Each structure stands twice: as structure tokens, then as C-alpha cells.
Amino acid sequence: MKFRELSLEGVFEVTPQLHGDPRGLFTEWYRFDRLAELVGHPLKLAQANLSVSSRGVVRGIHFADVPPGQAKYVTCVRGAVLDVIVDLRVGSPTFGRWEGVRLDDTDRRAVYIPEGMGHGFCALTDDATLSYLCSETYNPTGEHSVHPLDPDLGIDWPADVPLLSARDEAAPSLAQAVETGLLPDYAACKAFTESLRTV
């Protein structure tokens, strides 16, 4: 298992070692000890999600209030997606920047997304299936969206006509989210992450 930190602080791409033979395939796609060593604290597993999407569907950009936030460990178990992480932490040196990672059922990569980051994806195949491990349970009053097609974000979605949910279609722009104080604060995110190291 190899870890590579992306250009956004605290976000890691995880490439597992694949063991295949004529019978099929085996891989370790998550190791709590290796991840904890890397990020400085264990990932509290509170909820696991499964998301199935048709080709061209764009979901996101979703994020949660910090604290407690919601860290995610995401992999694609069927098909392929472009997984997108956006730094939404106001005051961060990389605020407003995004990075994309292809997740698919060939390389079996995963991404670790810490609290305070925005997350979304575009399905590259029909029945693209993502599996999420989450550090907190779903909290409808503490979870929010930024519009995935906001030109200020400039995300290069690989879809001619992205299909959005009504919720994502109605999401505010990045500028509106800043103006209304909706986004997480970089210093608060850092302090929260630091507090996890002592637990």
C-alpha cells in the first residue's frame, strides 16, 4: 500500500497492492494503522456509505461543519469516477483549489479526505459505485454544499452535460458561501485535527 499526499494539505491518494491470479483478485484497500501513522490519528469509523451513479452524474461539492466535520476514506468498487477534493477551509494557503483523482475498479485506488475539505465526483461509467468510510454519522443540519459548476472553482468535470441533484443545483457559489460564513475555518480545522492526536 502506497500513500501520496496531494497538493491539498492532509489529502492522500492510496494505491493498494493487488494480488491477482486466474481465480480473481485480493487487496487490502484500508489499513487503520497505516493511515493513523500517516495522518497522526486513527480514523473514527462511524458510518459506511455506498453511492451508485449513472455516467455523467456529478455529486458534490459536499462538506460538513467543523467541528466535528466528516473525514472520508473513499474507493470505487465498480466502474470509474473522477473524485474531486476542494479546499474549502477559509484561510488555508490552498483555499479554493481542487484536485482530482481517478478511482476505478482496475487500480483500486482510494483517497483520504480530512475534515474541512469539500468532496464531489463525476461518474465516468454507468453504475459507478463508491464506498465511503466516514468519521461521523450524517447530520443534515451540519452538512452543506457548494455549487460544483461554480466558475470560480473551475473544476474540469469530464461530462458534456453534468447531471446534478436538486440540492446541488441550488447550492451557493464559493463566493456566496464565504459571504454567509458557511465554510469551515482553516485554524479551527487545524485545531480540531490536533485535538484528535491526543485521543
C-alpha atoms as a PDB file:
ATOM      1  CA  MET A   1       0.000   0.000   0.000  1.00  0.00           C
ATOM      2  CA  LYS A   2       1.448   3.345  -1.078  1.00  0.00           C
ATOM      3  CA  PHE A   3       0.361   6.768   0.164  1.00  0.00           C
ATOM      4  CA  ARG A   4       0.869  10.010  -1.757  1.00  0.00           C
ATOM      5  CA  GLU A   5      -0.066  13.391  -0.319  1.00  0.00           C
ATOM      6  CA  LEU A   6      -1.773  15.553  -2.899  1.00  0.00           C
ATOM      7  CA  SER A   7      -1.289  19.300  -3.309  1.00  0.00           C
ATOM      8  CA  LEU A   8      -4.027  19.899  -0.726  1.00  0.00           C
ATOM      9  CA  GLU A   9      -2.713  19.534   2.819  1.00  0.00           C
ATOM     10  CA  GLY A  10      -3.855  16.353   4.532  1.00  0.00           C
ATOM     11  CA  VAL A  11      -5.393  14.738   1.438  1.00  0.00           C
ATOM     12  CA  PHE A  12      -3.850  11.406   0.427  1.00  0.00           C
ATOM     13  CA  GLU A  13      -4.143   9.107  -2.559  1.00  0.00           C
ATOM     14  CA  VAL A  14      -3.815   5.459  -1.542  1.00  0.00           C
ATOM     15  CA  THR A  15      -2.640   2.829  -4.022  1.00  0.00           C
ATOM     16  CA  PRO A  16      -3.073  -0.732  -2.765  1.00  0.00           C
ATOM     17  CA  GLN A  17      -1.033  -3.730  -3.796  1.00  0.00           C
ATOM     18  CA  LEU A  18      -3.131  -6.047  -5.963  1.00  0.00           C
ATOM     19  CA  HIS A  19      -2.735  -9.826  -5.713  1.00  0.00           C
ATOM     20  CA  GLY A  20      -4.319 -11.464  -8.726  1.00  0.00           C
ATOM     21  CA  ASP A  21      -4.325 -14.915 -10.286  1.00  0.00           C
ATOM     22  CA  PRO A  22      -6.706 -16.906 -12.522  1.00  0.00           C
ATOM     23  CA  ARG A  23      -9.140 -17.193  -9.590  1.00  0.00           C
ATOM     24  CA  GLY A  24      -9.553 -13.437  -9.182  1.00  0.00           C
ATOM     25  CA  LEU A  25      -8.129 -10.665  -7.023  1.00  0.00           C
ATOM     26  CA  PHE A  26      -7.321  -9.825  -3.410  1.00  0.00           C
ATOM     27  CA  THR A  27      -6.232  -6.489  -1.980  1.00  0.00           C
ATOM     28  CA  GLU A  28      -6.143  -4.601   1.303  1.00  0.00           C
ATOM     29  CA  TRP A  29      -7.923  -1.325   0.469  1.00  0.00           C
ATOM     30  CA  TYR A  30      -7.896   0.113   4.000  1.00  0.00           C
ATOM     31  CA  ARG A  31      -5.452  -0.212   6.908  1.00  0.00           C
ATOM     32  CA  PHE A  32      -6.337   1.812  10.006  1.00  0.00           C
ATOM     33  CA  ASP A  33      -2.816   1.543  11.428  1.00  0.00           C
ATOM     34  CA  ARG A  34      -1.042   2.747   8.281  1.00  0.00           C
ATOM     35  CA  LEU A  35      -3.456   5.650   7.860  1.00  0.00           C
ATOM     36  CA  ALA A  36      -3.229   6.639  11.527  1.00  0.00           C
ATOM     37  CA  GLU A  37       0.559   6.660  11.321  1.00  0.00           C
ATOM     38  CA  LEU A  38       0.356   8.929   8.292  1.00  0.00           C
ATOM     39  CA  VAL A  39      -2.248  11.468   9.467  1.00  0.00           C
ATOM     40  CA  GLY A  40      -1.387  11.364  13.165  1.00  0.00           C
ATOM     41  CA  HIS A  41      -4.625   9.906  14.494  1.00  0.00           C
ATOM     42  CA  PRO A  42      -6.951   6.966  13.807  1.00  0.00           C
ATOM     43  CA  LEU A  43      -9.963   7.386  11.518  1.00  0.00           C
ATOM     44  CA  LYS A  44     -13.027   7.005  13.713  1.00  0.00           C
ATOM     45  CA  LEU A  45     -15.395   4.755  11.779  1.00  0.00           C
ATOM     46  CA  ALA A  46     -18.932   5.963  12.413  1.00  0.00           C
ATOM     47  CA  GLN A  47     -20.724   5.269   9.129  1.00  0.00           C
ATOM     48  CA  ALA A  48     -20.195   3.484   5.802  1.00  0.00           C
ATOM     49  CA  ASN A  49     -21.941   4.673   2.630  1.00  0.00           C
ATOM     50  CA  LEU A  50     -22.465   3.218  -0.833  1.00  0.00           C
ATOM     51  CA  SER A  51     -23.251   5.507  -3.780  1.00  0.00           C
ATOM     52  CA  VAL A  52     -24.265   4.298  -7.255  1.00  0.00           C
ATOM     53  CA  SER A  53     -24.348   6.768 -10.168  1.00  0.00           C
ATOM     54  CA  SER A  54     -25.007   6.787 -13.898  1.00  0.00           C
ATOM     55  CA  ARG A  55     -22.418   8.080 -16.342  1.00  0.00           C
ATOM     56  CA  GLY A  56     -22.278  11.892 -16.314  1.00  0.00           C
ATOM     57  CA  VAL A  57     -23.717  12.312 -12.818  1.00  0.00           C
ATOM     58  CA  VAL A  58     -21.866  14.900 -10.732  1.00  0.00           C
ATOM     59  CA  ARG A  59     -22.325  14.796  -6.957  1.00  0.00           C
ATOM     60  CA  GLY A  60     -20.980  17.491  -4.634  1.00  0.00           C
ATOM     61  CA  ILE A  61     -19.309  19.620  -3.626  1.00  0.00           C
ATOM     62  CA  HIS A  62     -20.294  18.474  -0.099  1.00  0.00           C
ATOM     63  CA  PHE A  63     -18.746  19.366   3.260  1.00  0.00           C
ATOM     64  CA  ALA A  64     -19.590  19.362   6.965  1.00  0.00           C
ATOM     65  CA  ASP A  65     -19.272  21.870   9.799  1.00  0.00           C
ATOM     66  CA  VAL A  66     -16.022  21.613  11.788  1.00  0.00           C
ATOM     67  CA  PRO A  67     -16.145  20.514  14.499  1.00  0.00           C
ATOM     68  CA  PRO A  68     -16.889  17.676  14.169  1.00  0.00           C
ATOM     69  CA  GLY A  69     -16.581  17.619  10.374  1.00  0.00           C
ATOM     70  CA  GLN A  70     -16.581  14.363   8.488  1.00  0.00           C
ATOM     71  CA  ALA A  71     -13.365  12.750   7.294  1.00  0.00           C
ATOM     72  CA  LYS A  72     -13.834  10.259   4.455  1.00  0.00           C
ATOM     73  CA  TYR A  73     -11.950   7.318   3.015  1.00  0.00           C
ATOM     74  CA  VAL A  74     -13.348   6.693  -0.467  1.00  0.00           C
ATOM     75  CA  THR A  75     -12.823   3.982  -3.075  1.00  0.00           C
ATOM     76  CA  CYS A  76     -14.603   2.903  -6.257  1.00  0.00           C
ATOM     77  CA  VAL A  77     -15.705  -0.733  -6.142  1.00  0.00           C
ATOM     78  CA  ARG A  78     -17.348  -0.771  -9.588  1.00  0.00           C
ATOM     79  CA  GLY A  79     -16.745   1.299 -12.709  1.00  0.00           C
ATOM     80  CA  ALA A  80     -14.834   4.577 -12.571  1.00  0.00           C
ATOM     81  CA  VAL A  81     -15.185   8.140 -11.276  1.00  0.00           C
ATOM     82  CA  LEU A  82     -13.199  11.337 -11.210  1.00  0.00           C
ATOM     83  CA  ASP A  83     -13.071  12.039  -7.484  1.00  0.00           C
ATOM     84  CA  VAL A  84     -12.651  15.732  -6.665  1.00  0.00           C
ATOM     85  CA  ILE A  85     -11.458  17.321  -3.435  1.00  0.00           C
ATOM     86  CA  VAL A  86     -11.770  21.085  -2.882  1.00  0.00           C
ATOM     87  CA  ASP A  87     -10.057  23.056  -0.125  1.00  0.00           C
ATOM     88  CA  LEU A  88     -12.946  24.989   1.450  1.00  0.00           C
ATOM     89  CA  ARG A  89     -11.061  25.981   4.622  1.00  0.00           C
ATOM     90  CA  VAL A  90     -11.143  29.783   4.774  1.00  0.00           C
ATOM     91  CA  GLY A  91      -7.613  30.998   5.478  1.00  0.00           C
ATOM     92  CA  SER A  92      -5.888  27.948   4.018  1.00  0.00           C
ATOM     93  CA  PRO A  93      -2.937  28.609   1.674  1.00  0.00           C
ATOM     94  CA  THR A  94      -4.721  26.471  -0.939  1.00  0.00           C
ATOM     95  CA  PHE A  95      -8.241  27.797  -0.339  1.00  0.00           C
ATOM     96  CA  GLY A  96     -10.477  27.347  -3.386  1.00  0.00           C
ATOM     97  CA  ARG A  97      -8.114  24.942  -5.137  1.00  0.00           C
ATOM     98  CA  TRP A  98      -9.200  21.483  -6.217  1.00  0.00           C
ATOM     99  CA  GLU A  99      -7.540  18.247  -7.183  1.00  0.00           C
ATOM    100  CA  GLY A 100      -8.964  15.233  -8.963  1.00  0.00           C
ATOM    101  CA  VAL A 101      -8.076  11.550  -8.686  1.00  0.00           C
ATOM    102  CA  ARG A 102      -9.402   8.783 -10.919  1.00  0.00           C
ATOM    103  CA  LEU A 103     -10.832   5.992  -8.795  1.00  0.00           C
ATOM    104  CA  ASP A 104     -11.778   2.774 -10.561  1.00  0.00           C
ATOM    105  CA  ASP A 105     -12.180  -0.983 -10.241  1.00  0.00           C
ATOM    106  CA  THR A 106      -8.872  -1.616 -12.017  1.00  0.00           C
ATOM    107  CA  ASP A 107      -6.231   0.145  -9.910  1.00  0.00           C
ATOM    108  CA  ARG A 108      -8.452   0.124  -6.791  1.00  0.00           C
ATOM    109  CA  ARG A 109      -7.067   3.435  -5.504  1.00  0.00           C
ATOM    110  CA  ALA A 110      -8.657   5.274  -2.582  1.00  0.00           C
ATOM    111  CA  VAL A 111      -8.498   8.823  -1.249  1.00  0.00           C
ATOM    112  CA  TYR A 112      -8.420  10.054   2.327  1.00  0.00           C
ATOM    113  CA  ILE A 113     -10.180  13.398   2.783  1.00  0.00           C
ATOM    114  CA  PRO A 114      -9.803  15.173   6.143  1.00  0.00           C
ATOM    115  CA  GLU A 115     -12.328  17.353   7.934  1.00  0.00           C
ATOM    116  CA  GLY A 116     -12.973  20.723   6.311  1.00  0.00           C
ATOM    117  CA  MET A 117     -12.477  19.667   2.717  1.00  0.00           C
ATOM    118  CA  GLY A 118     -15.184  19.636   0.081  1.00  0.00           C
ATOM    119  CA  HIS A 119     -15.807  16.415  -1.817  1.00  0.00           C
ATOM    120  CA  GLY A 120     -17.532  15.501  -5.055  1.00  0.00           C
ATOM    121  CA  PHE A 121     -17.192  13.211  -8.036  1.00  0.00           C
ATOM    122  CA  CYS A 122     -18.246  12.617 -11.621  1.00  0.00           C
ATOM    123  CA  ALA A 123     -19.275   9.132 -12.741  1.00  0.00           C
ATOM    124  CA  LEU A 124     -17.260   8.059 -15.778  1.00  0.00           C
ATOM    125  CA  THR A 125     -19.231   4.830 -16.265  1.00  0.00           C
ATOM    126  CA  ASP A 126     -22.749   3.621 -15.670  1.00  0.00           C
ATOM    127  CA  ASP A 127     -23.321   2.048 -12.260  1.00  0.00           C
ATOM    128  CA  ALA A 128     -20.170   3.704 -10.886  1.00  0.00           C
ATOM    129  CA  THR A 129     -20.176   2.595  -7.256  1.00  0.00           C
ATOM    130  CA  LEU A 130     -18.320   4.395  -4.476  1.00  0.00           C
ATOM    131  CA  SER A 131     -17.787   3.090  -0.976  1.00  0.00           C
ATOM    132  CA  TYR A 132     -17.167   5.651   1.795  1.00  0.00           C
ATOM    133  CA  LEU A 133     -15.880   5.152   5.308  1.00  0.00           C
ATOM    134  CA  CYS A 134     -16.899   8.209   7.364  1.00  0.00           C
ATOM    135  CA  SER A 135     -15.691   9.533  10.720  1.00  0.00           C
ATOM    136  CA  GLU A 136     -19.130  10.899  11.705  1.00  0.00           C
ATOM    137  CA  THR A 137     -22.717   9.948  11.035  1.00  0.00           C
ATOM    138  CA  TYR A 138     -24.855  12.005   8.660  1.00  0.00           C
ATOM    139  CA  ASN A 139     -26.039  15.276  10.209  1.00  0.00           C
ATOM    140  CA  PRO A 140     -28.500  17.067   7.907  1.00  0.00           C
ATOM    141  CA  THR A 141     -28.219  20.364   9.791  1.00  0.00           C
ATOM    142  CA  GLY A 142     -24.411  20.374   9.723  1.00  0.00           C
ATOM    143  CA  GLU A 143     -23.761  19.313   6.129  1.00  0.00           C
ATOM    144  CA  HIS A 144     -23.679  21.717   3.192  1.00  0.00           C
ATOM    145  CA  SER A 145     -22.836  22.109  -0.494  1.00  0.00           C
ATOM    146  CA  VAL A 146     -21.015  24.468  -2.819  1.00  0.00           C
ATOM    147  CA  HIS A 147     -22.179  24.513  -6.444  1.00  0.00           C
ATOM    148  CA  PRO A 148     -19.997  22.051  -8.400  1.00  0.00           C
ATOM    149  CA  LEU A 149     -20.209  24.112 -11.614  1.00  0.00           C
ATOM    150  CA  ASP A 150     -19.153  27.392  -9.995  1.00  0.00           C
ATOM    151  CA  PRO A 151     -16.744  29.024 -12.485  1.00  0.00           C
ATOM    152  CA  ASP A 152     -14.667  30.371  -9.581  1.00  0.00           C
ATOM    153  CA  LEU A 153     -13.800  26.772  -8.719  1.00  0.00           C
ATOM    154  CA  GLY A 154     -13.170  25.940 -12.373  1.00  0.00           C
ATOM    155  CA  ILE A 155     -13.494  22.197 -11.937  1.00  0.00           C
ATOM    156  CA  ASP A 156     -12.946  20.407 -15.244  1.00  0.00           C
ATOM    157  CA  TRP A 157     -15.748  17.860 -14.974  1.00  0.00           C
ATOM    158  CA  PRO A 158     -15.495  15.117 -17.640  1.00  0.00           C
ATOM    159  CA  ALA A 159     -19.170  15.300 -18.613  1.00  0.00           C
ATOM    160  CA  ASP A 160     -20.746  17.123 -21.563  1.00  0.00           C
ATOM    161  CA  VAL A 161     -23.929  17.827 -19.594  1.00  0.00           C
ATOM    162  CA  PRO A 162     -23.358  17.123 -15.873  1.00  0.00           C
ATOM    163  CA  LEU A 163     -26.416  15.676 -14.133  1.00  0.00           C
ATOM    164  CA  LEU A 164     -26.950  17.296 -10.727  1.00  0.00           C
ATOM    165  CA  SER A 165     -29.352  16.674  -7.870  1.00  0.00           C
ATOM    166  CA  ALA A 166     -31.837  19.434  -6.972  1.00  0.00           C
ATOM    167  CA  ARG A 167     -29.818  20.045  -3.799  1.00  0.00           C
ATOM    168  CA  ASP A 168     -26.541  20.517  -5.660  1.00  0.00           C
ATOM    169  CA  GLU A 169     -28.215  22.616  -8.364  1.00  0.00           C
ATOM    170  CA  ALA A 170     -29.438  25.011  -5.661  1.00  0.00           C
ATOM    171  CA  ALA A 171     -26.106  25.148  -3.790  1.00  0.00           C
ATOM    172  CA  PRO A 172     -24.432  28.540  -3.301  1.00  0.00           C
ATOM    173  CA  SER A 173     -21.328  29.609  -5.164  1.00  0.00           C
ATOM    174  CA  LEU A 174     -17.986  29.689  -3.369  1.00  0.00           C
ATOM    175  CA  ALA A 175     -18.230  33.479  -3.022  1.00  0.00           C
ATOM    176  CA  GLN A 176     -21.740  33.236  -1.564  1.00  0.00           C
ATOM    177  CA  ALA A 177     -20.613  30.542   0.884  1.00  0.00           C
ATOM    178  CA  VAL A 178     -17.746  32.780   2.024  1.00  0.00           C
ATOM    179  CA  GLU A 179     -20.010  35.812   2.361  1.00  0.00           C
ATOM    180  CA  THR A 180     -22.554  33.964   4.507  1.00  0.00           C
ATOM    181  CA  GLY A 181     -19.924  32.360   6.761  1.00  0.00           C
ATOM    182  CA  LEU A 182     -20.916  28.866   5.681  1.00  0.00           C
ATOM    183  CA  LEU A 183     -17.413  27.483   5.127  1.00  0.00           C
ATOM    184  CA  PRO A 184     -15.100  25.934   7.720  1.00  0.00           C
ATOM    185  CA  ASP A 185     -12.214  27.961   9.146  1.00  0.00           C
ATOM    186  CA  TYR A 186      -8.667  26.746   8.455  1.00  0.00           C
ATOM    187  CA  ALA A 187      -7.425  27.442  12.003  1.00  0.00           C
ATOM    188  CA  ALA A 188     -10.435  25.670  13.519  1.00  0.00           C
ATOM    189  CA  CYS A 189      -9.847  22.647  11.264  1.00  0.00           C
ATOM    190  CA  LYS A 190      -6.179  22.511  12.263  1.00  0.00           C
ATOM    191  CA  ALA A 191      -7.073  22.776  15.952  1.00  0.00           C
ATOM    192  CA  PHE A 192      -9.682  20.034  15.636  1.00  0.00           C
ATOM    193  CA  THR A 193      -7.258  17.716  13.843  1.00  0.00           C
ATOM    194  CA  GLU A 194      -4.641  18.417  16.517  1.00  0.00           C
ATOM    195  CA  SER A 195      -7.158  17.516  19.214  1.00  0.00           C
ATOM    196  CA  LEU A 196      -7.625  14.085  17.625  1.00  0.00           C
ATOM    197  CA  ARG A 197      -3.930  13.329  18.132  1.00  0.00           C
ATOM    198  CA  THR A 198      -4.375  13.236  21.900  1.00  0.00           C
ATOM    199  CA  VAL A 199      -7.366  10.890  21.859  1.00  0.00           C
END
